[in-house]
Amino acid sequence: MGGTGVLPRKLVDYIQHNGGVIKTGTRITGVDPVEKSVTDDAGNRYNYSQMVWAADLYRLYELINSDVIESSQGQAIK
């Protein structure tokens, strides 16, 4: 009911109701999947337990520091 415009509003309501914070206008410049954190262009670091990436997937891959990702043998992947 209400068309596709209702979905984002409901998602925002759900996130905020469950203690989440949505930071609009924030440019993410780094992603560390090992530490489960992202860094913005002001140098602020945000930790997460689960991340929903709703932006350009290729940009996500560019932002991940592959030096911190370890292989199953415990060696950094280059």
Protein backbone atom coordinates (compact mmCIF):
# COMPACT_ATOMS: atom_id res chain seq x y z
CA MET A 1 0.00 0.00 0.00
CA GLY A 2 1.35 3.41 -0.94
CA GLY A 3 3.70 2.38 -3.74
CA THR A 4 7.46 1.90 -3.77
CA GLY A 5 8.04 5.15 -1.89
CA VAL A 6 6.78 3.50 1.29
CA LEU A 7 9.62 0.92 1.37
CA PRO A 8 12.47 3.36 2.18
CA ARG A 9 10.40 5.08 4.88
CA LYS A 10 9.53 1.73 6.49
CA LEU A 11 13.19 0.68 6.36
CA VAL A 12 14.24 3.93 8.06
CA ASP A 13 11.56 3.47 10.71
CA TYR A 14 12.66 -0.12 11.38
CA ILE A 15 16.35 0.80 11.65
CA GLN A 16 15.70 3.74 13.98
CA HIS A 17 13.21 1.78 16.09
CA ASN A 18 15.90 -0.87 16.65
CA GLY A 19 18.59 1.61 17.69
CA GLY A 20 20.25 2.08 14.32
CA VAL A 21 21.50 5.40 12.98
CA ILE A 22 21.31 6.53 9.36
CA LYS A 23 23.95 9.11 8.41
CA THR A 24 22.93 10.78 5.17
CA GLY A 25 25.41 12.97 3.34
CA THR A 26 28.33 10.93 4.67
CA ARG A 27 30.98 9.82 2.16
CA ILE A 28 32.55 6.48 3.05
CA THR A 29 36.24 6.30 2.12
CA GLY A 30 37.27 2.96 3.60
CA VAL A 31 35.80 -0.42 4.52
CA ASP A 32 37.49 -2.91 6.84
CA PRO A 33 35.49 -6.16 6.79
CA VAL A 34 37.83 -7.82 9.30
CA GLU A 35 37.34 -5.13 11.95
CA LYS A 36 33.74 -4.61 10.78
CA SER A 37 34.16 -0.87 10.40
CA VAL A 38 33.85 1.88 7.82
CA THR A 39 35.66 5.23 7.72
CA ASP A 40 34.23 8.45 6.35
CA ASP A 41 35.96 11.36 4.64
CA ALA A 42 36.22 13.24 7.96
CA GLY A 43 38.20 10.35 9.46
CA ASN A 44 35.34 9.10 11.65
CA ARG A 45 35.23 5.35 12.12
CA TYR A 46 31.94 3.49 12.50
CA ASN A 47 31.78 -0.09 13.71
CA TYR A 48 28.99 -2.37 12.59
CA SER A 49 27.68 -5.84 13.34
CA GLN A 50 25.90 -6.06 9.97
CA MET A 51 26.25 -3.72 7.04
CA VAL A 52 23.76 -3.09 4.26
CA TRP A 53 25.56 -1.57 1.27
CA ALA A 54 22.96 0.24 -0.82
CA ALA A 55 25.39 2.03 -3.09
CA ASP A 56 27.57 1.13 -6.06
CA LEU A 57 28.91 -2.41 -5.58
CA TYR A 58 32.08 -1.67 -7.55
CA ARG A 59 32.74 1.27 -5.22
CA LEU A 60 32.49 -1.09 -2.24
CA TYR A 61 35.15 -3.32 -3.77
CA GLU A 62 37.39 -0.29 -4.33
CA LEU A 63 37.06 0.77 -0.70
CA ILE A 64 37.91 -2.59 0.87
CA ASN A 65 41.53 -2.79 1.97
CA SER A 66 42.48 -6.22 0.66
CA ASP A 67 45.64 -6.22 2.83
CA VAL A 68 43.49 -6.88 5.91
CA ILE A 69 41.60 -9.83 4.47
CA GLU A 70 43.20 -13.11 5.38
CA SER A 71 43.01 -16.33 3.43
CA SER A 72 41.91 -19.55 5.10
CA GLN A 73 45.62 -20.26 5.74
CA GLY A 74 46.01 -17.04 7.77
CA GLN A 75 47.95 -15.13 5.12
CA ALA A 76 46.97 -11.72 3.84
CA ILE A 77 45.51 -11.76 0.34
CA LYS A 78 47.26 -9.35 -2.01
